[in-house]
Amino acid sequence: MKNNLKKWKFSPVDEKGQQLWEKFTYYKEQMFSRTHHSFSPWIIVKSNDKKTARLESMKYLLSQFEYEGKGSNHPAIFTDPNIVDRFFRMVKQNDI
């Protein structure tokens, strides 16, 4: 709201979303915890930097598949576990 170049993007819908943030977060965490399985895990990408989030997402996705030349021209690239990890490893312990 303090940046004149960006504050025009803040709408009444955004304001309402801010008011309901805690409620949205509660239901989001409920959904993740009830639908996360080892055979179909939620992978969470945490980043306020779009470039970092996209690069880490690509690294994760490429690490999940075998393909010709994988690892031959560049050492293995691991994702940053502070940015990309499975849901259950990133969530705080809650009494849900």
PDB file of N, CA and C in Angstrom:
ATOM      1  N   MET A   1       0.817  -1.204   0.000  1.00  0.00           N
ATOM      2  CA  MET A   1       0.000   0.000   0.000  1.00  0.00           C
ATOM      3  C   MET A   1       0.856   1.261   0.000  1.00  0.00           C
ATOM      4  N   LYS A   2       2.109   1.154   0.376  1.00  0.00           N
ATOM      5  CA  LYS A   2       2.961   2.334   0.436  1.00  0.00           C
ATOM      6  C   LYS A   2       3.631   2.639  -0.898  1.00  0.00           C
ATOM      7  N   ASN A   3       3.647   1.672  -1.806  1.00  0.00           N
ATOM      8  CA  ASN A   3       4.289   1.850  -3.099  1.00  0.00           C
ATOM      9  C   ASN A   3       3.267   2.401  -4.095  1.00  0.00           C
ATOM     10  N   ASN A   4       3.470   3.631  -4.543  1.00  0.00           N
ATOM     11  CA  ASN A   4       2.529   4.272  -5.464  1.00  0.00           C
ATOM     12  C   ASN A   4       2.389   3.537  -6.789  1.00  0.00           C
ATOM     13  N   LEU A   5       3.419   2.794  -7.180  1.00  0.00           N
ATOM     14  CA  LEU A   5       3.355   2.064  -8.442  1.00  0.00           C
ATOM     15  C   LEU A   5       2.550   0.769  -8.326  1.00  0.00           C
ATOM     16  N   LYS A   6       2.302   0.321  -7.114  1.00  0.00           N
ATOM     17  CA  LYS A   6       1.598  -0.949  -6.932  1.00  0.00           C
ATOM     18  C   LYS A   6       0.279  -0.854  -6.172  1.00  0.00           C
ATOM     19  N   LYS A   7       0.059   0.212  -5.445  1.00  0.00           N
ATOM     20  CA  LYS A   7      -1.130   0.251  -4.592  1.00  0.00           C
ATOM     21  C   LYS A   7      -2.438   0.264  -5.379  1.00  0.00           C
ATOM     22  N   TRP A   8      -2.396   0.628  -6.649  1.00  0.00           N
ATOM     23  CA  TRP A   8      -3.602   0.593  -7.474  1.00  0.00           C
ATOM     24  C   TRP A   8      -4.105  -0.838  -7.664  1.00  0.00           C
ATOM     25  N   LYS A   9      -3.225  -1.831  -7.489  1.00  0.00           N
ATOM     26  CA  LYS A   9      -3.610  -3.225  -7.684  1.00  0.00           C
ATOM     27  C   LYS A   9      -4.408  -3.778  -6.494  1.00  0.00           C
ATOM     28  N   PHE A  10      -4.382  -3.093  -5.374  1.00  0.00           N
ATOM     29  CA  PHE A  10      -5.071  -3.557  -4.169  1.00  0.00           C
ATOM     30  C   PHE A  10      -6.545  -3.186  -4.268  1.00  0.00           C
ATOM     31  N   SER A  11      -7.410  -4.208  -4.297  1.00  0.00           N
ATOM     32  CA  SER A  11      -8.845  -3.971  -4.495  1.00  0.00           C
ATOM     33  C   SER A  11      -9.631  -4.347  -3.236  1.00  0.00           C
ATOM     34  N   PRO A  12     -10.927  -4.070  -3.226  1.00  0.00           N
ATOM     35  CA  PRO A  12     -11.764  -4.498  -2.097  1.00  0.00           C
ATOM     36  C   PRO A  12     -11.739  -6.025  -1.909  1.00  0.00           C
ATOM     37  N   VAL A  13     -11.572  -6.770  -2.982  1.00  0.00           N
ATOM     38  CA  VAL A  13     -11.467  -8.229  -2.884  1.00  0.00           C
ATOM     39  C   VAL A  13     -10.201  -8.602  -2.105  1.00  0.00           C
ATOM     40  N   ASP A  14      -9.097  -7.907  -2.392  1.00  0.00           N
ATOM     41  CA  ASP A  14      -7.850  -8.145  -1.655  1.00  0.00           C
ATOM     42  C   ASP A  14      -8.018  -7.808  -0.174  1.00  0.00           C
ATOM     43  N   GLU A  15      -8.704  -6.730   0.104  1.00  0.00           N
ATOM     44  CA  GLU A  15      -8.931  -6.322   1.490  1.00  0.00           C
ATOM     45  C   GLU A  15      -9.736  -7.391   2.234  1.00  0.00           C
ATOM     46  N   LYS A  16     -10.767  -7.911   1.587  1.00  0.00           N
ATOM     47  CA  LYS A  16     -11.579  -8.972   2.199  1.00  0.00           C
ATOM     48  C   LYS A  16     -10.730 -10.229   2.399  1.00  0.00           C
ATOM     49  N   GLY A  17      -9.877 -10.539   1.429  1.00  0.00           N
ATOM     50  CA  GLY A  17      -8.983 -11.686   1.547  1.00  0.00           C
ATOM     51  C   GLY A  17      -8.054 -11.558   2.737  1.00  0.00           C
ATOM     52  N   GLN A  18      -7.569 -10.350   2.979  1.00  0.00           N
ATOM     53  CA  GLN A  18      -6.702 -10.109   4.136  1.00  0.00           C
ATOM     54  C   GLN A  18      -7.465 -10.332   5.444  1.00  0.00           C
ATOM     55  N   GLN A  19      -8.721  -9.924   5.464  1.00  0.00           N
ATOM     56  CA  GLN A  19      -9.542 -10.114   6.659  1.00  0.00           C
ATOM     57  C   GLN A  19      -9.784 -11.601   6.935  1.00  0.00           C
ATOM     58  N   LEU A  20      -9.864 -12.402   5.877  1.00  0.00           N
ATOM     59  CA  LEU A  20     -10.156 -13.833   6.016  1.00  0.00           C
ATOM     60  C   LEU A  20      -8.908 -14.711   5.949  1.00  0.00           C
ATOM     61  N   TRP A  21      -7.733 -14.108   6.007  1.00  0.00           N
ATOM     62  CA  TRP A  21      -6.472 -14.836   5.834  1.00  0.00           C
ATOM     63  C   TRP A  21      -6.341 -16.034   6.774  1.00  0.00           C
ATOM     64  N   GLU A  22      -6.615 -15.839   8.044  1.00  0.00           N
ATOM     65  CA  GLU A  22      -6.484 -16.930   9.019  1.00  0.00           C
ATOM     66  C   GLU A  22      -7.452 -18.070   8.705  1.00  0.00           C
ATOM     67  N   LYS A  23      -8.658 -17.734   8.322  1.00  0.00           N
ATOM     68  CA  LYS A  23      -9.653 -18.752   7.983  1.00  0.00           C
ATOM     69  C   LYS A  23      -9.226 -19.516   6.725  1.00  0.00           C
ATOM     70  N   PHE A  24      -8.779 -18.802   5.706  1.00  0.00           N
ATOM     71  CA  PHE A  24      -8.293 -19.446   4.476  1.00  0.00           C
ATOM     72  C   PHE A  24      -7.122 -20.377   4.796  1.00  0.00           C
ATOM     73  N   THR A  25      -6.198 -19.914   5.627  1.00  0.00           N
ATOM     74  CA  THR A  25      -5.023 -20.704   5.986  1.00  0.00           C
ATOM     75  C   THR A  25      -5.445 -21.981   6.703  1.00  0.00           C
ATOM     76  N   TYR A  26      -6.382 -21.887   7.614  1.00  0.00           N
ATOM     77  CA  TYR A  26      -6.872 -23.059   8.329  1.00  0.00           C
ATOM     78  C   TYR A  26      -7.417 -24.101   7.347  1.00  0.00           C
ATOM     79  N   TYR A  27      -8.275 -23.697   6.424  1.00  0.00           N
ATOM     80  CA  TYR A  27      -8.879 -24.643   5.484  1.00  0.00           C
ATOM     81  C   TYR A  27      -7.862 -25.168   4.475  1.00  0.00           C
ATOM     82  N   LYS A  28      -6.909 -24.340   4.094  1.00  0.00           N
ATOM     83  CA  LYS A  28      -5.840 -24.804   3.198  1.00  0.00           C
ATOM     84  C   LYS A  28      -5.044 -25.912   3.866  1.00  0.00           C
ATOM     85  N   GLU A  29      -4.672 -25.712   5.114  1.00  0.00           N
ATOM     86  CA  GLU A  29      -3.905 -26.721   5.837  1.00  0.00           C
ATOM     87  C   GLU A  29      -4.723 -27.990   6.071  1.00  0.00           C
ATOM     88  N   GLN A  30      -6.015 -27.847   6.307  1.00  0.00           N
ATOM     89  CA  GLN A  30      -6.887 -29.017   6.435  1.00  0.00           C
ATOM     90  C   GLN A  30      -6.895 -29.821   5.131  1.00  0.00           C
ATOM     91  N   MET A  31      -7.027 -29.126   4.021  1.00  0.00           N
ATOM     92  CA  MET A  31      -7.053 -29.782   2.717  1.00  0.00           C
ATOM     93  C   MET A  31      -5.736 -30.507   2.456  1.00  0.00           C
ATOM     94  N   PHE A  32      -4.609 -29.843   2.691  1.00  0.00           N
ATOM     95  CA  PHE A  32      -3.314 -30.480   2.486  1.00  0.00           C
ATOM     96  C   PHE A  32      -3.165 -31.711   3.377  1.00  0.00           C
ATOM     97  N   SER A  33      -3.468 -31.585   4.657  1.00  0.00           N
ATOM     98  CA  SER A  33      -3.243 -32.699   5.588  1.00  0.00           C
ATOM     99  C   SER A  33      -4.147 -33.884   5.298  1.00  0.00           C
ATOM    100  N   ARG A  34      -5.320 -33.663   4.763  1.00  0.00           N
ATOM    101  CA  ARG A  34      -6.253 -34.759   4.494  1.00  0.00           C
ATOM    102  C   ARG A  34      -6.058 -35.392   3.113  1.00  0.00           C
ATOM    103  N   THR A  35      -5.328 -34.733   2.247  1.00  0.00           N
ATOM    104  CA  THR A  35      -5.164 -35.276   0.887  1.00  0.00           C
ATOM    105  C   THR A  35      -3.714 -35.605   0.545  1.00  0.00           C
ATOM    106  N   HIS A  36      -2.779 -35.374   1.447  1.00  0.00           N
ATOM    107  CA  HIS A  36      -1.367 -35.677   1.217  1.00  0.00           C
ATOM    108  C   HIS A  36      -1.121 -37.165   1.467  1.00  0.00           C
ATOM    109  N   HIS A  37      -0.581 -37.862   0.473  1.00  0.00           N
ATOM    110  CA  HIS A  37      -0.265 -39.289   0.588  1.00  0.00           C
ATOM    111  C   HIS A  37       1.118 -39.521   0.004  1.00  0.00           C
ATOM    112  N   SER A  38       1.780 -40.597   0.436  1.00  0.00           N
ATOM    113  CA  SER A  38       3.125 -40.881  -0.072  1.00  0.00           C
ATOM    114  C   SER A  38       3.112 -41.139  -1.580  1.00  0.00           C
ATOM    115  N   PHE A  39       2.037 -41.697  -2.102  1.00  0.00           N
ATOM    116  CA  PHE A  39       1.963 -41.966  -3.541  1.00  0.00           C
ATOM    117  C   PHE A  39       1.495 -40.755  -4.337  1.00  0.00           C
ATOM    118  N   SER A  40       0.981 -39.742  -3.661  1.00  0.00           N
ATOM    119  CA  SER A  40       0.527 -38.516  -4.321  1.00  0.00           C
ATOM    120  C   SER A  40       0.709 -37.336  -3.364  1.00  0.00           C
ATOM    121  N   PRO A  41       1.968 -36.957  -3.141  1.00  0.00           N
ATOM    122  CA  PRO A  41       2.238 -35.923  -2.133  1.00  0.00           C
ATOM    123  C   PRO A  41       1.996 -34.507  -2.657  1.00  0.00           C
ATOM    124  N   TRP A  42       1.678 -33.627  -1.736  1.00  0.00           N
ATOM    125  CA  TRP A  42       1.680 -32.207  -2.052  1.00  0.00           C
ATOM    126  C   TRP A  42       3.121 -31.737  -1.948  1.00  0.00           C
ATOM    127  N   ILE A  43       3.597 -31.062  -2.968  1.00  0.00           N
ATOM    128  CA  ILE A  43       4.921 -30.459  -2.952  1.00  0.00           C
ATOM    129  C   ILE A  43       4.710 -28.954  -2.820  1.00  0.00           C
ATOM    130  N   ILE A  44       5.281 -28.388  -1.793  1.00  0.00           N
ATOM    131  CA  ILE A  44       5.097 -26.969  -1.501  1.00  0.00           C
ATOM    132  C   ILE A  44       6.326 -26.198  -1.964  1.00  0.00           C
ATOM    133  N   VAL A  45       6.088 -25.106  -2.680  1.00  0.00           N
ATOM    134  CA  VAL A  45       7.163 -24.213  -3.116  1.00  0.00           C
ATOM    135  C   VAL A  45       6.938 -22.889  -2.397  1.00  0.00           C
ATOM    136  N   LYS A  46       7.853 -22.573  -1.473  1.00  0.00           N
ATOM    137  CA  LYS A  46       7.736 -21.346  -0.681  1.00  0.00           C
ATOM    138  C   LYS A  46       8.759 -20.335  -1.182  1.00  0.00           C
ATOM    139  N   SER A  47       8.294 -19.248  -1.718  1.00  0.00           N
ATOM    140  CA  SER A  47       9.207 -18.203  -2.141  1.00  0.00           C
ATOM    141  C   SER A  47       8.439 -16.928  -2.434  1.00  0.00           C
ATOM    142  N   ASN A  48       9.000 -15.816  -2.045  1.00  0.00           N
ATOM    143  CA  ASN A  48       8.441 -14.517  -2.409  1.00  0.00           C
ATOM    144  C   ASN A  48       9.094 -13.988  -3.680  1.00  0.00           C
ATOM    145  N   ASP A  49      10.009 -14.752  -4.210  1.00  0.00           N
ATOM    146  CA  ASP A  49      10.745 -14.371  -5.407  1.00  0.00           C
ATOM    147  C   ASP A  49      10.324 -15.306  -6.540  1.00  0.00           C
ATOM    148  N   LYS A  50       9.622 -14.774  -7.535  1.00  0.00           N
ATOM    149  CA  LYS A  50       9.084 -15.607  -8.617  1.00  0.00           C
ATOM    150  C   LYS A  50      10.178 -16.361  -9.364  1.00  0.00           C
ATOM    151  N   LYS A  51      11.292 -15.712  -9.637  1.00  0.00           N
ATOM    152  CA  LYS A  51      12.370 -16.362 -10.366  1.00  0.00           C
ATOM    153  C   LYS A  51      12.899 -17.568  -9.591  1.00  0.00           C
ATOM    154  N   THR A  52      13.151 -17.386  -8.306  1.00  0.00           N
ATOM    155  CA  THR A  52      13.641 -18.481  -7.470  1.00  0.00           C
ATOM    156  C   THR A  52      12.618 -19.609  -7.414  1.00  0.00           C
ATOM    157  N   ALA A  53      11.354 -19.271  -7.220  1.00  0.00           N
ATOM    158  CA  ALA A  53      10.304 -20.288  -7.150  1.00  0.00           C
ATOM    159  C   ALA A  53      10.231 -21.089  -8.443  1.00  0.00           C
ATOM    160  N   ARG A  54      10.318 -20.425  -9.566  1.00  0.00           N
ATOM    161  CA  ARG A  54      10.247 -21.117 -10.858  1.00  0.00           C
ATOM    162  C   ARG A  54      11.458 -22.007 -11.089  1.00  0.00           C
ATOM    163  N   LEU A  55      12.648 -21.511 -10.776  1.00  0.00           N
ATOM    164  CA  LEU A  55      13.855 -22.321 -10.955  1.00  0.00           C
ATOM    165  C   LEU A  55      13.844 -23.545 -10.041  1.00  0.00           C
ATOM    166  N   GLU A  56      13.461 -23.355  -8.796  1.00  0.00           N
ATOM    167  CA  GLU A  56      13.396 -24.476  -7.858  1.00  0.00           C
ATOM    168  C   GLU A  56      12.334 -25.485  -8.290  1.00  0.00           C
ATOM    169  N   SER A  57      11.218 -25.016  -8.812  1.00  0.00           N
ATOM    170  CA  SER A  57      10.167 -25.912  -9.312  1.00  0.00           C
ATOM    171  C   SER A  57      10.671 -26.738 -10.485  1.00  0.00           C
ATOM    172  N   MET A  58      11.391 -26.097 -11.392  1.00  0.00           N
ATOM    173  CA  MET A  58      11.946 -26.824 -12.540  1.00  0.00           C
ATOM    174  C   MET A  58      12.964 -27.871 -12.093  1.00  0.00           C
ATOM    175  N   LYS A  59      13.820 -27.501 -11.142  1.00  0.00           N
ATOM    176  CA  LYS A  59      14.806 -28.463 -10.639  1.00  0.00           C
ATOM    177  C   LYS A  59      14.102 -29.664 -10.011  1.00  0.00           C
ATOM    178  N   TYR A  60      13.068 -29.398  -9.233  1.00  0.00           N
ATOM    179  CA  TYR A  60      12.331 -30.502  -8.604  1.00  0.00           C
ATOM    180  C   TYR A  60      11.699 -31.402  -9.663  1.00  0.00           C
ATOM    181  N   LEU A  61      11.013 -30.797 -10.600  1.00  0.00           N
ATOM    182  CA  LEU A  61      10.328 -31.574 -11.637  1.00  0.00           C
ATOM    183  C   LEU A  61      11.317 -32.425 -12.431  1.00  0.00           C
ATOM    184  N   LEU A  62      12.433 -31.850 -12.853  1.00  0.00           N
ATOM    185  CA  LEU A  62      13.433 -32.600 -13.609  1.00  0.00           C
ATOM    186  C   LEU A  62      14.059 -33.719 -12.785  1.00  0.00           C
ATOM    187  N   SER A  63      14.135 -33.544 -11.482  1.00  0.00           N
ATOM    188  CA  SER A  63      14.729 -34.583 -10.633  1.00  0.00           C
ATOM    189  C   SER A  63      13.829 -35.814 -10.519  1.00  0.00           C
ATOM    190  N   GLN A  64      12.565 -35.688 -10.879  1.00  0.00           N
ATOM    191  CA  GLN A  64      11.614 -36.782 -10.718  1.00  0.00           C
ATOM    192  C   GLN A  64      11.587 -37.754 -11.900  1.00  0.00           C
ATOM    193  N   PHE A  65      12.255 -37.415 -12.993  1.00  0.00           N
ATOM    194  CA  PHE A  65      12.206 -38.226 -14.206  1.00  0.00           C
ATOM    195  C   PHE A  65      13.599 -38.639 -14.652  1.00  0.00           C
ATOM    196  N   GLU A  66      13.646 -39.785 -15.296  1.00  0.00           N
ATOM    197  CA  GLU A  66      14.879 -40.214 -15.953  1.00  0.00           C
ATOM    198  C   GLU A  66      14.799 -39.758 -17.404  1.00  0.00           C
ATOM    199  N   TYR A  67      15.887 -39.257 -17.914  1.00  0.00           N
ATOM    200  CA  TYR A  67      15.932 -38.831 -19.300  1.00  0.00           C
ATOM    201  C   TYR A  67      17.362 -38.944 -19.793  1.00  0.00           C
ATOM    202  N   GLU A  68      17.501 -39.047 -21.094  1.00  0.00           N
ATOM    203  CA  GLU A  68      18.819 -39.210 -21.700  1.00  0.00           C
ATOM    204  C   GLU A  68      19.709 -38.035 -21.339  1.00  0.00           C
ATOM    205  N   GLY A  69      20.890 -38.340 -20.854  1.00  0.00           N
ATOM    206  CA  GLY A  69      21.855 -37.305 -20.515  1.00  0.00           C
ATOM    207  C   GLY A  69      21.687 -36.724 -19.121  1.00  0.00           C
ATOM    208  N   LYS A  70      20.728 -37.217 -18.351  1.00  0.00           N
ATOM    209  CA  LYS A  70      20.516 -36.676 -17.003  1.00  0.00           C
ATOM    210  C   LYS A  70      21.773 -36.883 -16.170  1.00  0.00           C
ATOM    211  N   GLY A  71      22.331 -35.813 -15.663  1.00  0.00           N
ATOM    212  CA  GLY A  71      23.497 -35.872 -14.800  1.00  0.00           C
ATOM    213  C   GLY A  71      24.821 -36.027 -15.522  1.00  0.00           C
ATOM    214  N   SER A  72      24.786 -36.241 -16.843  1.00  0.00           N
ATOM    215  CA  SER A  72      26.048 -36.474 -17.552  1.00  0.00           C
ATOM    216  C   SER A  72      26.799 -35.183 -17.873  1.00  0.00           C
ATOM    217  N   ASN A  73      26.087 -34.109 -18.101  1.00  0.00           N
ATOM    218  CA  ASN A  73      26.761 -32.866 -18.461  1.00  0.00           C
ATOM    219  C   ASN A  73      26.813 -31.860 -17.316  1.00  0.00           C
ATOM    220  N   HIS A  74      26.202 -32.194 -16.194  1.00  0.00           N
ATOM    221  CA  HIS A  74      26.213 -31.292 -15.053  1.00  0.00           C
ATOM    222  C   HIS A  74      26.003 -32.146 -13.803  1.00  0.00           C
ATOM    223  N   PRO A  75      26.682 -31.844 -12.736  1.00  0.00           N
ATOM    224  CA  PRO A  75      26.451 -32.614 -11.512  1.00  0.00           C
ATOM    225  C   PRO A  75      24.991 -32.512 -11.068  1.00  0.00           C
ATOM    226  N   ALA A  76      24.565 -33.441 -10.271  1.00  0.00           N
ATOM    227  CA  ALA A  76      23.182 -33.442  -9.786  1.00  0.00           C
ATOM    228  C   ALA A  76      22.851 -32.095  -9.135  1.00  0.00           C
ATOM    229  N   ILE A  77      21.695 -31.593  -9.483  1.00  0.00           N
ATOM    230  CA  ILE A  77      21.239 -30.322  -8.914  1.00  0.00           C
ATOM    231  C   ILE A  77      20.114 -30.644  -7.946  1.00  0.00           C
ATOM    232  N   PHE A  78      20.301 -30.266  -6.710  1.00  0.00           N
ATOM    233  CA  PHE A  78      19.294 -30.529  -5.697  1.00  0.00           C
ATOM    234  C   PHE A  78      18.502 -29.263  -5.421  1.00  0.00           C
ATOM    235  N   THR A  79      17.235 -29.457  -5.123  1.00  0.00           N
ATOM    236  CA  THR A  79      16.406 -28.303  -4.771  1.00  0.00           C
ATOM    237  C   THR A  79      16.758 -27.840  -3.362  1.00  0.00           C
ATOM    238  N   ASP A  80      16.487 -26.604  -3.092  1.00  0.00           N
ATOM    239  CA  ASP A  80      16.703 -26.032  -1.765  1.00  0.00           C
ATOM    240  C   ASP A  80      15.559 -26.503  -0.864  1.00  0.00           C
ATOM    241  N   PRO A  81      15.839 -27.298   0.167  1.00  0.00           N
ATOM    242  CA  PRO A  81      14.759 -27.812   1.025  1.00  0.00           C
ATOM    243  C   PRO A  81      14.043 -26.730   1.825  1.00  0.00           C
ATOM    244  N   ASN A  82      14.602 -25.538   1.865  1.00  0.00           N
ATOM    245  CA  ASN A  82      13.902 -24.423   2.512  1.00  0.00           C
ATOM    246  C   ASN A  82      12.852 -23.818   1.593  1.00  0.00           C
ATOM    247  N   ILE A  83      12.910 -24.173   0.312  1.00  0.00           N
ATOM    248  CA  ILE A  83      11.966 -23.633  -0.657  1.00  0.00           C
ATOM    249  C   ILE A  83      11.019 -24.712  -1.185  1.00  0.00           C
ATOM    250  N   VAL A  84      11.554 -25.899  -1.491  1.00  0.00           N
ATOM    251  CA  VAL A  84      10.746 -26.979  -2.066  1.00  0.00           C
ATOM    252  C   VAL A  84      10.829 -28.202  -1.161  1.00  0.00           C
ATOM    253  N   ASP A  85       9.673 -28.672  -0.736  1.00  0.00           N
ATOM    254  CA  ASP A  85       9.644 -29.892   0.066  1.00  0.00           C
ATOM    255  C   ASP A  85       8.219 -30.431   0.101  1.00  0.00           C
ATOM    256  N   ARG A  86       8.097 -31.647   0.600  1.00  0.00           N
ATOM    257  CA  ARG A  86       6.770 -32.239   0.745  1.00  0.00           C
ATOM    258  C   ARG A  86       6.017 -31.522   1.849  1.00  0.00           C
ATOM    259  N   PHE A  87       4.713 -31.513   1.724  1.00  0.00           N
ATOM    260  CA  PHE A  87       3.858 -30.803   2.684  1.00  0.00           C
ATOM    261  C   PHE A  87       4.167 -31.183   4.123  1.00  0.00           C
ATOM    262  N   PHE A  88       4.207 -32.473   4.438  1.00  0.00           N
ATOM    263  CA  PHE A  88       4.335 -32.881   5.841  1.00  0.00           C
ATOM    264  C   PHE A  88       5.665 -32.479   6.452  1.00  0.00           C
ATOM    265  N   ARG A  89       6.677 -32.199   5.644  1.00  0.00           N
ATOM    266  CA  ARG A  89       7.963 -31.762   6.194  1.00  0.00           C
ATOM    267  C   ARG A  89       7.993 -30.263   6.455  1.00  0.00           C
ATOM    268  N   MET A  90       7.113 -29.531   5.799  1.00  0.00           N
ATOM    269  CA  MET A  90       7.122 -28.069   5.934  1.00  0.00           C
ATOM    270  C   MET A  90       6.108 -27.555   6.941  1.00  0.00           C
ATOM    271  N   VAL A  91       5.099 -28.349   7.215  1.00  0.00           N
ATOM    272  CA  VAL A  91       4.015 -27.863   8.069  1.00  0.00           C
ATOM    273  C   VAL A  91       4.457 -27.876   9.530  1.00  0.00           C
ATOM    274  N   LYS A  92       3.999 -26.900  10.262  1.00  0.00           N
ATOM    275  CA  LYS A  92       4.234 -26.890  11.703  1.00  0.00           C
ATOM    276  C   LYS A  92       3.333 -27.950  12.320  1.00  0.00           C
ATOM    277  N   GLN A  93       3.751 -28.495  13.422  1.00  0.00           N
ATOM    278  CA  GLN A  93       2.922 -29.492  14.095  1.00  0.00           C
ATOM    279  C   GLN A  93       1.703 -28.800  14.680  1.00  0.00           C
ATOM    280  N   ASN A  94       0.546 -29.142  14.181  1.00  0.00           N
ATOM    281  CA  ASN A  94      -0.707 -28.570  14.667  1.00  0.00           C
ATOM    282  C   ASN A  94      -1.608 -29.672  15.187  1.00  0.00           C
ATOM    283  N   ASP A  95      -2.448 -29.348  16.107  1.00  0.00           N
ATOM    284  CA  ASP A  95      -3.477 -30.298  16.540  1.00  0.00           C
ATOM    285  C   ASP A  95      -4.676 -30.111  15.644  1.00  0.00           C
ATOM    286  N   ILE A  96      -4.691 -30.878  14.556  1.00  0.00           N
ATOM    287  CA  ILE A  96      -5.749 -30.730  13.552  1.00  0.00           C
ATOM    288  C   ILE A  96      -6.794 -31.804  13.767  1.00  0.00           C
TER     289      ILE A  96
END
